[in-house]
Amino acid sequence: MRRAARVVGRALRTPVTGPARGIRKVTHAQGAGESGLGRLIELHGVNGAGDVMITVALASTVFFSVPTDEARGRVALYLAVTMLPFTLLAPVVGPLLDRLPHGRRAAMAGSMLARAVLALVLSGAVATGSLEMYPAALGVLVASKAYGVVRSAVVPRLLPQGFSLVKANSRVTLGGLLATGVAAPVGAGLQMIGPGWPLYGACLLFLGGAFLSFRLPPKVDSARGERRALLAADEQHLAAAVDARWDPVTTDDKTDDKTDSTDNKEEEKDRDGERGDGERGEGKGKERRRKGPGLRTVGPAVTHALAANACVRCQSGFLIFFLAFLLREHPLTGQSAAVSLAVVGVAAGAGNALGTAVGAWLRARAPEVIIVTVVGALVAVAVSAAVFFGAAVVAVLGAVAGFTQALAKLSLDALIQRDVPELVRTSAFARSETLLQMAWVVGGAIGIALPLRGPLGLSVGALIVALGWLTTVRALLASARRGASHPRVA
């Protein structure tokens, strides 16, 4: 009898433990298990699955359950109540988390727990159509974006030996995409049971994510050797980071500056260590101090790459909202609105996955050239889609947009790793991610405001990304010819 019970138990466990072991084997390969990167990949997968569950529930309530005109009004209200405040909060979220580097695991767990609670609030709101849905959705959005900012800062701390940042980010992104692809149909199935069921599933996933957050290595909470980055391309300050130029100041001035920030004190300590005792003064009572922020600048290559990525991300938000309403009103030939949206969504997801894979394969070769090339290709496809508007062209545009977004972002990561000193690299990742999130929100607002005319909307989308390409192409190519702005501190 006991033997039979063991056989039955083993048979019931195998469908769960078998895939779990396979996932663990993949995520922990090539030293990712020892460094902690594998655990971050699993956490990011849980995060993506939970977010897509909430998206399915909200889309069914706000978008599909009412006529198009009313749906536009609801989504406009959703944007006004959730994303407009987010544009005001986003500039605060990054710097706030930047000032609390010792609590990154707690911040990620807090983001998960907040969304778990808000998913339960939403489960009641979607059933009754209560206005509670909108502030709760805002909370979910802010918590999700805060997680994204912290994750960007955590990845550099978990690199296995011999791993580039591009390769690590590729693995994390692919893990999230795969989890989202699995969770989306599960969420749709739960939606058929009841409008609150996907949200119950999201709650469970986020509770699991909170547990996984604290399983990350303690080193992700360490801020040793880190400073806050300034997203500026000041060549003089960038040169100061290399040349270590100093200004003479009196000891009296130093006394008066006791209220200076901790960053300035740390910079003075680093200065003393670099100069040595023999260079500490030019006479009695004098000391030398560095001009400008120095290491806190990220350089022109990074700022131009960030601008190009922001325009790509803005177009992504625009296409999501504009095509959602356009395809609902004018679905692809012979298809329903839901199927039309699914076709474009799958194309975009496949393009994103392919871009991530190609980025890992290229291994950060000539990132400026990659950004110029893929964004230029996206401009060409976007213009073609506006001129030759049709079902196939829209699907191709979705795929190319997904591909470009993934590959351009990985190239930006490569530039940050190459050009930004290690002292401020973690902060640069967090702040750049915040800016990209804001660009997506702005694009979504533009998409909801435009009339539902395909050629007109896609022309606006092409204009957004063309502006980003035209304003950055010369600077990026010039940067590619010059190479790295200053020696990389690894």
Protein backbone atom coordinates (compact mmCIF):
# COMPACT_ATOMS: atom_id res chain seq x y z
CA MET A 1 0.00 0.00 0.00
CA ARG A 2 2.79 2.43 0.93
CA ARG A 3 4.67 1.53 -2.22
CA ALA A 4 1.60 2.25 -4.31
CA ALA A 5 1.16 5.60 -2.55
CA ARG A 6 4.78 6.51 -3.29
CA VAL A 7 4.33 5.62 -6.96
CA VAL A 8 1.18 7.74 -7.18
CA GLY A 9 2.88 10.65 -5.37
CA ARG A 10 5.88 10.45 -7.67
CA ALA A 11 3.60 10.42 -10.72
CA LEU A 12 1.76 13.51 -9.47
CA ARG A 13 4.97 15.37 -8.66
CA THR A 14 6.75 14.64 -11.93
CA PRO A 15 4.72 17.07 -14.12
CA VAL A 16 5.70 19.86 -11.69
CA THR A 17 9.20 18.94 -10.54
CA GLY A 18 10.38 17.86 -14.00
CA PRO A 19 9.85 21.25 -15.70
CA ALA A 20 11.03 23.02 -12.54
CA ARG A 21 14.34 21.16 -12.65
CA GLY A 22 14.68 21.93 -16.35
CA ILE A 23 14.05 25.64 -15.77
CA ARG A 24 16.51 25.71 -12.89
CA LYS A 25 19.15 23.98 -15.02
CA VAL A 26 18.80 26.57 -17.79
CA THR A 27 18.66 29.66 -15.57
CA HIS A 28 21.62 28.54 -13.45
CA ALA A 29 23.91 27.57 -16.36
CA GLN A 30 27.40 29.01 -16.95
CA GLY A 31 27.90 30.21 -13.40
CA ALA A 32 24.57 32.05 -13.13
CA GLY A 33 23.58 29.86 -10.21
CA GLU A 34 26.70 30.69 -8.20
CA SER A 35 26.56 34.43 -8.89
CA GLY A 36 22.83 34.75 -8.14
CA LEU A 37 21.87 35.77 -11.68
CA GLY A 38 19.80 32.60 -12.06
CA ARG A 39 17.61 33.61 -9.13
CA LEU A 40 17.09 37.05 -10.66
CA ILE A 41 16.04 35.42 -13.96
CA GLU A 42 13.45 33.34 -12.10
CA LEU A 43 12.24 36.40 -10.18
CA HIS A 44 11.89 38.38 -13.40
CA GLY A 45 9.88 35.55 -14.94
CA VAL A 46 7.48 35.61 -11.98
CA ASN A 47 7.24 39.40 -12.30
CA GLY A 48 6.38 39.20 -16.01
CA ALA A 49 3.81 36.47 -15.45
CA GLY A 50 2.07 38.44 -12.71
CA ASP A 51 2.00 41.63 -14.76
CA VAL A 52 0.47 39.90 -17.78
CA MET A 53 -2.24 38.37 -15.57
CA ILE A 54 -3.24 41.86 -14.41
CA THR A 55 -3.08 43.12 -18.00
CA VAL A 56 -5.46 40.39 -19.17
CA ALA A 57 -7.96 41.22 -16.42
CA LEU A 58 -7.83 44.99 -17.02
CA ALA A 59 -7.96 44.66 -20.80
CA SER A 60 -11.07 42.49 -20.58
CA THR A 61 -12.75 44.99 -18.23
CA VAL A 62 -11.63 48.36 -19.59
CA PHE A 63 -11.24 47.49 -23.27
CA PHE A 64 -13.20 44.52 -24.58
CA SER A 65 -16.34 44.64 -22.44
CA VAL A 66 -17.79 47.88 -23.87
CA PRO A 67 -18.27 49.54 -27.31
CA THR A 68 -15.26 51.19 -28.90
CA ASP A 69 -16.26 54.80 -28.16
CA GLU A 70 -16.91 53.99 -24.52
CA ALA A 71 -13.71 51.95 -24.38
CA ARG A 72 -11.72 54.95 -25.61
CA GLY A 73 -13.26 57.03 -22.86
CA ARG A 74 -12.41 54.41 -20.25
CA VAL A 75 -8.85 54.05 -21.46
CA ALA A 76 -8.48 57.84 -21.60
CA LEU A 77 -9.69 57.93 -18.00
CA TYR A 78 -7.26 55.14 -17.17
CA LEU A 79 -4.42 57.14 -18.70
CA ALA A 80 -5.45 60.33 -16.93
CA VAL A 81 -5.81 58.70 -13.52
CA THR A 82 -2.86 56.30 -13.72
CA MET A 83 -0.24 57.28 -16.27
CA LEU A 84 -0.43 61.05 -15.91
CA PRO A 85 0.43 60.85 -12.20
CA PHE A 86 3.07 58.27 -13.10
CA THR A 87 4.85 60.80 -15.33
CA LEU A 88 5.10 63.00 -12.24
CA LEU A 89 6.19 60.16 -9.96
CA ALA A 90 8.68 58.50 -12.33
CA PRO A 91 11.38 61.19 -11.99
CA VAL A 92 11.12 60.73 -8.22
CA VAL A 93 11.10 56.91 -8.17
CA GLY A 94 14.57 56.49 -9.71
CA PRO A 95 16.45 59.00 -7.51
CA LEU A 96 14.54 57.83 -4.42
CA LEU A 97 15.58 54.23 -4.98
CA ASP A 98 19.03 55.52 -5.89
CA ARG A 99 19.34 56.98 -2.37
CA LEU A 100 18.35 53.68 -0.74
CA PRO A 101 20.86 51.25 -2.30
CA HIS A 102 21.08 49.12 0.84
CA GLY A 103 17.46 48.00 0.49
CA ARG A 104 17.27 46.70 -3.08
CA ARG A 105 15.98 43.26 -2.09
CA ALA A 106 13.45 44.86 0.24
CA ALA A 107 12.41 47.31 -2.50
CA MET A 108 11.81 44.46 -4.97
CA ALA A 109 9.90 42.45 -2.37
CA GLY A 110 7.88 45.55 -1.46
CA SER A 111 6.97 46.02 -5.11
CA MET A 112 5.77 42.41 -5.28
CA LEU A 113 3.77 42.62 -2.04
CA ALA A 114 2.16 45.91 -3.08
CA ARG A 115 0.99 44.39 -6.34
CA ALA A 116 -0.29 41.29 -4.56
CA VAL A 117 -2.51 43.45 -2.34
CA LEU A 118 -3.59 45.67 -5.23
CA ALA A 119 -4.49 42.63 -7.32
CA LEU A 120 -6.99 41.64 -4.62
CA VAL A 121 -8.37 45.20 -4.60
CA LEU A 122 -8.71 45.07 -8.38
CA SER A 123 -10.47 41.71 -8.24
CA GLY A 124 -13.36 43.36 -6.42
CA ALA A 125 -13.27 46.54 -8.52
CA VAL A 126 -13.43 44.80 -11.92
CA ALA A 127 -16.46 42.80 -10.85
CA THR A 128 -18.42 45.92 -9.82
CA GLY A 129 -16.91 48.49 -12.19
CA SER A 130 -15.94 50.62 -9.20
CA LEU A 131 -13.71 53.67 -9.58
CA GLU A 132 -11.34 51.99 -7.11
CA MET A 133 -9.95 50.24 -10.17
CA TYR A 134 -8.10 53.36 -11.39
CA PRO A 135 -6.06 54.31 -8.29
CA ALA A 136 -5.34 50.61 -7.77
CA ALA A 137 -4.12 50.36 -11.37
CA LEU A 138 -1.90 53.39 -10.75
CA GLY A 139 -0.40 51.63 -7.75
CA VAL A 140 0.27 48.52 -9.83
CA LEU A 141 1.92 50.60 -12.56
CA VAL A 142 4.18 52.51 -10.17
CA ALA A 143 5.16 49.32 -8.32
CA SER A 144 5.92 47.56 -11.60
CA LYS A 145 8.08 50.41 -12.88
CA ALA A 146 9.86 50.68 -9.53
CA TYR A 147 10.72 46.98 -9.80
CA GLY A 148 12.11 47.61 -13.30
CA VAL A 149 14.33 50.43 -12.05
CA VAL A 150 15.71 48.35 -9.17
CA ARG A 151 16.25 45.32 -11.40
CA SER A 152 18.36 47.42 -13.78
CA ALA A 153 20.54 48.42 -10.84
CA VAL A 154 20.82 44.85 -9.54
CA VAL A 155 21.99 43.06 -12.70
CA PRO A 156 25.56 44.49 -12.69
CA ARG A 157 26.02 43.10 -9.15
CA LEU A 158 25.20 39.54 -10.24
CA LEU A 159 27.41 39.05 -13.30
CA PRO A 160 29.06 35.60 -13.42
CA GLN A 161 32.75 35.38 -14.21
CA GLY A 162 33.32 36.12 -17.88
CA PHE A 163 29.75 37.35 -18.45
CA SER A 164 29.11 40.64 -20.24
CA LEU A 165 26.28 42.84 -19.09
CA VAL A 166 24.57 42.44 -22.48
CA LYS A 167 24.56 38.67 -22.13
CA ALA A 168 23.19 38.86 -18.59
CA ASN A 169 20.44 41.30 -19.56
CA SER A 170 19.59 39.10 -22.54
CA ARG A 171 19.06 36.12 -20.27
CA VAL A 172 16.93 38.09 -17.85
CA THR A 173 14.80 39.54 -20.65
CA LEU A 174 14.34 36.19 -22.38
CA GLY A 175 13.26 34.65 -19.08
CA GLY A 176 10.63 37.34 -18.67
CA LEU A 177 9.40 36.95 -22.25
CA LEU A 178 9.05 33.18 -21.94
CA ALA A 179 7.17 33.50 -18.66
CA THR A 180 4.87 36.12 -20.17
CA GLY A 181 4.18 33.88 -23.17
CA VAL A 182 3.18 31.02 -20.88
CA ALA A 183 1.13 33.15 -18.48
CA ALA A 184 -0.90 35.03 -21.14
CA PRO A 185 -3.00 32.03 -22.29
CA VAL A 186 -3.31 30.86 -18.68
CA GLY A 187 -4.66 34.28 -17.76
CA ALA A 188 -7.10 34.17 -20.69
CA GLY A 189 -8.32 30.78 -19.49
CA LEU A 190 -8.79 32.09 -15.96
CA GLN A 191 -10.71 35.05 -17.38
CA MET A 192 -13.25 32.64 -18.84
CA ILE A 193 -13.95 31.35 -15.32
CA GLY A 194 -14.54 34.84 -13.95
CA PRO A 195 -13.18 38.42 -14.24
CA GLY A 196 -11.37 38.21 -10.90
CA TRP A 197 -9.58 34.91 -11.43
CA PRO A 198 -6.56 36.27 -13.36
CA LEU A 199 -6.08 38.72 -10.50
CA TYR A 200 -6.14 35.92 -7.93
CA GLY A 201 -3.46 34.20 -9.99
CA ALA A 202 -1.44 37.42 -10.11
CA CYS A 203 -1.70 37.76 -6.33
CA LEU A 204 -0.24 34.30 -5.81
CA LEU A 205 2.56 34.96 -8.28
CA PHE A 206 3.54 38.23 -6.63
CA LEU A 207 3.55 36.62 -3.19
CA GLY A 208 5.97 34.05 -4.59
CA GLY A 209 8.00 36.89 -6.12
CA ALA A 210 8.33 38.58 -2.72
CA PHE A 211 9.81 35.36 -1.33
CA LEU A 212 12.19 35.04 -4.30
CA SER A 213 13.35 38.65 -3.84
CA PHE A 214 14.86 37.84 -0.45
CA ARG A 215 16.59 34.78 -1.92
CA LEU A 216 18.82 37.04 -4.03
CA PRO A 217 22.40 37.25 -2.71
CA PRO A 218 22.97 39.89 -0.01
CA LYS A 219 25.60 41.57 -2.20
CA VAL A 220 22.86 43.24 -4.27
CA ASP A 221 22.18 45.43 -1.21
CA SER A 222 25.79 46.57 -0.98
CA ALA A 223 26.50 50.10 -2.16
CA ARG A 224 30.24 49.93 -1.56
CA GLY A 225 32.08 52.00 -4.15
CA GLU A 226 28.90 53.36 -5.75
CA ARG A 227 27.85 56.95 -6.42
CA ARG A 228 24.88 58.56 -8.10
CA ALA A 229 25.12 59.22 -11.83
CA LEU A 230 24.26 62.43 -13.62
CA LEU A 231 22.76 61.81 -17.07
CA ALA A 232 24.82 64.51 -18.78
CA ALA A 233 27.23 64.58 -21.69
CA ASP A 234 29.57 67.30 -20.49
CA GLU A 235 32.89 66.67 -22.22
CA GLN A 236 34.76 68.89 -19.74
CA HIS A 237 33.47 66.94 -16.75
CA LEU A 238 34.04 63.69 -18.57
CA ALA A 239 37.65 64.68 -19.16
CA ALA A 240 37.94 65.59 -15.50
CA ALA A 241 37.10 62.00 -14.65
CA VAL A 242 40.20 60.92 -16.54
CA ASP A 243 42.59 63.79 -16.00
CA ALA A 244 41.73 64.17 -12.29
CA ARG A 245 42.15 67.92 -12.40
CA TRP A 246 41.95 69.82 -9.11
CA ASP A 247 41.24 73.32 -7.82
CA PRO A 248 43.14 74.76 -4.85
CA VAL A 249 40.97 75.52 -1.81
CA THR A 250 41.95 76.73 1.64
CA THR A 251 41.42 74.72 4.77
CA ASP A 252 39.08 77.48 5.94
CA ASP A 253 36.92 76.83 2.90
CA LYS A 254 36.99 73.18 3.74
CA THR A 255 35.75 73.95 7.24
CA ASP A 256 32.95 76.08 5.83
CA ASP A 257 31.95 73.23 3.56
CA LYS A 258 31.25 70.77 6.36
CA THR A 259 27.65 70.67 5.30
CA ASP A 260 28.61 69.31 1.88
CA SER A 261 26.95 66.11 0.74
CA THR A 262 28.32 62.69 1.52
CA ASP A 263 29.15 62.30 -2.16
CA ASN A 264 31.56 65.27 -2.04
CA LYS A 265 33.29 63.88 1.04
CA GLU A 266 33.69 60.51 -0.61
CA GLU A 267 35.08 62.18 -3.74
CA GLU A 268 37.67 63.97 -1.61
CA LYS A 269 38.69 60.68 -0.01
CA ASP A 270 39.04 59.07 -3.44
CA ARG A 271 41.04 62.10 -4.56
CA ASP A 272 43.44 61.79 -1.65
CA GLY A 273 43.99 58.12 -2.41
CA GLU A 274 44.67 58.81 -6.06
CA ARG A 275 47.04 61.76 -5.54
CA GLY A 276 49.12 60.37 -2.71
CA ASP A 277 50.59 62.29 0.17
CA GLY A 278 53.00 64.24 -2.02
CA GLU A 279 50.22 66.08 -3.88
CA ARG A 280 47.96 67.07 -1.01
CA GLY A 281 48.73 70.73 -1.02
CA GLU A 282 50.53 73.60 -2.63
CA GLY A 283 51.52 75.20 0.65
CA LYS A 284 50.40 75.41 4.22
CA GLY A 285 46.64 75.48 4.73
CA LYS A 286 45.81 74.55 1.13
CA GLU A 287 44.29 71.49 -0.47
CA ARG A 288 43.24 70.64 -4.03
CA ARG A 289 39.73 69.58 -5.03
CA ARG A 290 38.39 68.22 -8.33
CA LYS A 291 36.52 70.51 -10.69
CA GLY A 292 32.91 69.63 -11.45
CA PRO A 293 31.09 66.34 -10.95
CA GLY A 294 33.70 64.30 -12.84
CA LEU A 295 32.71 60.65 -12.49
CA ARG A 296 29.03 61.52 -12.25
CA THR A 297 28.79 62.27 -16.00
CA VAL A 298 27.95 59.44 -18.36
CA GLY A 299 29.28 60.88 -21.59
CA PRO A 300 27.88 61.83 -25.01
CA ALA A 301 27.67 58.29 -26.45
CA VAL A 302 25.43 57.13 -23.61
CA THR A 303 23.19 60.20 -23.65
CA HIS A 304 22.64 60.01 -27.42
CA ALA A 305 21.99 56.28 -27.25
CA LEU A 306 19.53 56.94 -24.44
CA ALA A 307 17.75 59.59 -26.54
CA ALA A 308 17.41 57.15 -29.46
CA ASN A 309 16.09 54.45 -27.12
CA ALA A 310 13.62 56.87 -25.56
CA CYS A 311 12.11 57.61 -28.98
CA VAL A 312 11.88 53.88 -29.74
CA ARG A 313 10.20 53.28 -26.37
CA CYS A 314 7.85 56.23 -26.99
CA GLN A 315 6.84 54.71 -30.34
CA SER A 316 6.28 51.37 -28.60
CA GLY A 317 3.80 52.91 -26.16
CA PHE A 318 2.13 54.76 -29.03
CA LEU A 319 1.70 51.62 -31.16
CA ILE A 320 0.29 49.59 -28.28
CA PHE A 321 -2.56 52.01 -27.59
CA PHE A 322 -3.18 53.23 -31.12
CA LEU A 323 -3.22 49.78 -32.73
CA ALA A 324 -5.33 48.37 -29.91
CA PHE A 325 -8.21 50.70 -30.81
CA LEU A 326 -7.54 50.73 -34.54
CA LEU A 327 -7.63 46.93 -34.83
CA ARG A 328 -10.70 46.73 -32.66
CA GLU A 329 -12.54 49.12 -34.99
CA HIS A 330 -10.90 47.85 -38.21
CA PRO A 331 -9.60 44.30 -37.61
CA LEU A 332 -7.31 42.48 -39.98
CA THR A 333 -9.02 41.07 -43.06
CA GLY A 334 -11.28 38.16 -42.16
CA GLN A 335 -10.30 38.18 -38.47
CA SER A 336 -11.96 39.31 -35.27
CA ALA A 337 -10.59 42.19 -33.19
CA ALA A 338 -9.20 39.81 -30.55
CA VAL A 339 -7.43 37.67 -33.16
CA SER A 340 -6.06 40.77 -34.92
CA LEU A 341 -4.59 42.08 -31.69
CA ALA A 342 -3.18 38.65 -30.90
CA VAL A 343 -1.45 38.44 -34.31
CA VAL A 344 0.26 41.82 -33.88
CA GLY A 345 1.08 41.06 -30.24
CA VAL A 346 2.68 37.71 -31.11
CA ALA A 347 4.66 39.35 -33.93
CA ALA A 348 5.95 42.02 -31.54
CA GLY A 349 6.81 39.42 -28.89
CA ALA A 350 8.63 37.26 -31.43
CA GLY A 351 10.57 40.27 -32.68
CA ASN A 352 11.51 41.21 -29.13
CA ALA A 353 12.74 37.69 -28.39
CA LEU A 354 14.74 37.60 -31.63
CA GLY A 355 16.30 40.98 -30.86
CA THR A 356 17.31 39.77 -27.42
CA ALA A 357 18.88 36.63 -28.88
CA VAL A 358 20.74 38.58 -31.57
CA GLY A 359 21.98 41.04 -28.95
CA ALA A 360 23.47 38.20 -26.92
CA TRP A 361 25.08 36.76 -30.05
CA LEU A 362 26.62 40.09 -31.13
CA ARG A 363 28.20 40.49 -27.66
CA ALA A 364 28.15 44.30 -27.67
CA ARG A 365 30.15 44.71 -30.88
CA ALA A 366 29.96 48.36 -32.07
CA PRO A 367 26.86 49.29 -30.02
CA GLU A 368 26.58 52.78 -31.56
CA VAL A 369 26.47 51.29 -35.06
CA ILE A 370 23.89 48.73 -33.98
CA ILE A 371 21.61 51.45 -32.58
CA VAL A 372 21.93 53.58 -35.72
CA THR A 373 21.24 50.57 -37.96
CA VAL A 374 18.24 49.08 -36.19
CA VAL A 375 16.56 52.42 -35.47
CA GLY A 376 17.12 53.46 -39.09
CA ALA A 377 15.54 50.19 -40.24
CA LEU A 378 12.58 50.83 -37.93
CA VAL A 379 12.15 54.31 -39.46
CA ALA A 380 12.07 52.78 -42.95
CA VAL A 381 9.52 50.12 -41.97
CA ALA A 382 7.37 52.65 -40.09
CA VAL A 383 7.28 54.98 -43.10
CA SER A 384 6.43 52.04 -45.37
CA ALA A 385 3.62 50.97 -43.02
CA ALA A 386 2.16 54.48 -43.12
CA VAL A 387 2.30 54.62 -46.94
CA PHE A 388 1.24 51.04 -47.70
CA PHE A 389 -1.13 50.55 -44.79
CA GLY A 390 -2.42 46.97 -44.55
CA ALA A 391 -2.70 43.88 -42.38
CA ALA A 392 0.64 42.31 -43.32
CA VAL A 393 2.55 45.59 -43.05
CA VAL A 394 1.14 46.28 -39.57
CA ALA A 395 2.26 42.82 -38.38
CA VAL A 396 5.73 43.38 -39.85
CA LEU A 397 5.90 46.78 -38.13
CA GLY A 398 5.07 45.16 -34.79
CA ALA A 399 7.82 42.57 -35.27
CA VAL A 400 10.46 45.13 -36.32
CA ALA A 401 9.48 47.47 -33.48
CA GLY A 402 9.89 44.65 -30.95
CA PHE A 403 13.22 43.62 -32.48
CA THR A 404 14.53 47.20 -32.46
CA GLN A 405 13.44 47.90 -28.90
CA ALA A 406 15.24 44.82 -27.58
CA LEU A 407 18.47 45.21 -29.56
CA ALA A 408 18.75 48.98 -29.06
CA LYS A 409 18.25 48.60 -25.30
CA LEU A 410 20.95 45.92 -25.09
CA SER A 411 23.29 48.19 -27.04
CA LEU A 412 22.57 51.01 -24.59
CA ASP A 413 23.43 48.63 -21.75
CA ALA A 414 26.70 47.81 -23.51
CA LEU A 415 27.56 51.50 -23.82
CA ILE A 416 26.84 52.11 -20.15
CA GLN A 417 29.10 49.21 -19.23
CA ARG A 418 31.82 50.44 -21.57
CA ASP A 419 31.76 54.21 -20.99
CA VAL A 420 30.40 54.78 -17.50
CA PRO A 421 32.83 54.37 -14.58
CA GLU A 422 31.96 51.57 -12.19
CA LEU A 423 31.37 54.01 -9.32
CA VAL A 424 28.23 55.38 -10.99
CA ARG A 425 27.29 52.54 -13.36
CA THR A 426 24.56 51.07 -11.18
CA SER A 427 22.95 54.48 -10.75
CA ALA A 428 23.15 55.13 -14.50
CA PHE A 429 21.22 51.94 -15.22
CA ALA A 430 18.48 52.87 -12.76
CA ARG A 431 18.06 56.43 -14.00
CA SER A 432 18.12 55.52 -17.68
CA GLU A 433 15.41 52.91 -17.09
CA THR A 434 13.24 55.55 -15.38
CA LEU A 435 13.57 57.85 -18.39
CA LEU A 436 12.62 55.05 -20.79
CA GLN A 437 9.54 54.22 -18.71
CA MET A 438 8.43 57.85 -18.91
CA ALA A 439 8.90 57.88 -22.69
CA TRP A 440 6.61 54.84 -22.98
CA VAL A 441 3.91 56.62 -20.98
CA VAL A 442 4.11 59.73 -23.19
CA GLY A 443 3.80 57.58 -26.32
CA GLY A 444 0.72 55.85 -24.91
CA ALA A 445 -0.93 59.20 -24.26
CA ILE A 446 -0.30 60.29 -27.87
CA GLY A 447 -1.73 57.01 -29.15
CA ILE A 448 -5.01 57.35 -27.28
CA ALA A 449 -5.50 60.96 -28.39
CA LEU A 450 -5.24 60.43 -32.16
CA PRO A 451 -8.25 59.70 -34.41
CA LEU A 452 -8.49 56.10 -35.63
CA ARG A 453 -7.09 56.58 -39.14
CA GLY A 454 -4.39 54.05 -39.92
CA PRO A 455 -2.09 56.00 -42.27
CA LEU A 456 -2.29 59.11 -40.07
CA GLY A 457 -1.49 57.22 -36.86
CA LEU A 458 1.39 55.26 -38.34
CA SER A 459 2.78 58.47 -39.83
CA VAL A 460 2.89 59.95 -36.33
CA GLY A 461 4.59 56.78 -35.06
CA ALA A 462 7.16 57.03 -37.86
CA LEU A 463 7.75 60.70 -37.04
CA ILE A 464 8.46 59.89 -33.37
CA VAL A 465 11.17 57.38 -34.13
CA ALA A 466 12.54 59.41 -37.08
CA LEU A 467 13.14 62.37 -34.77
CA GLY A 468 15.13 60.14 -32.44
CA TRP A 469 17.21 58.74 -35.29
CA LEU A 470 17.90 62.05 -37.07
CA THR A 471 18.95 63.87 -33.90
CA THR A 472 21.38 61.16 -32.74
CA VAL A 473 22.79 59.45 -35.86
CA ARG A 474 25.74 61.82 -36.42
CA ALA A 475 26.78 61.86 -32.77
CA LEU A 476 26.55 58.08 -32.43
CA LEU A 477 28.58 57.44 -35.58
CA ALA A 478 31.18 59.98 -34.44
CA SER A 479 31.34 58.23 -31.07
CA ALA A 480 31.80 54.88 -32.82
CA ARG A 481 34.78 56.26 -34.73
CA ARG A 482 36.35 57.65 -31.54
CA GLY A 483 35.73 54.56 -29.41
CA ALA A 484 35.22 54.61 -25.65
CA SER A 485 35.10 58.03 -24.00
CA HIS A 486 37.43 56.99 -21.23
CA PRO A 487 38.90 53.77 -19.87
CA ARG A 488 36.35 51.37 -18.49
CA VAL A 489 36.64 50.65 -14.77
CA ALA A 490 35.72 46.99 -14.38
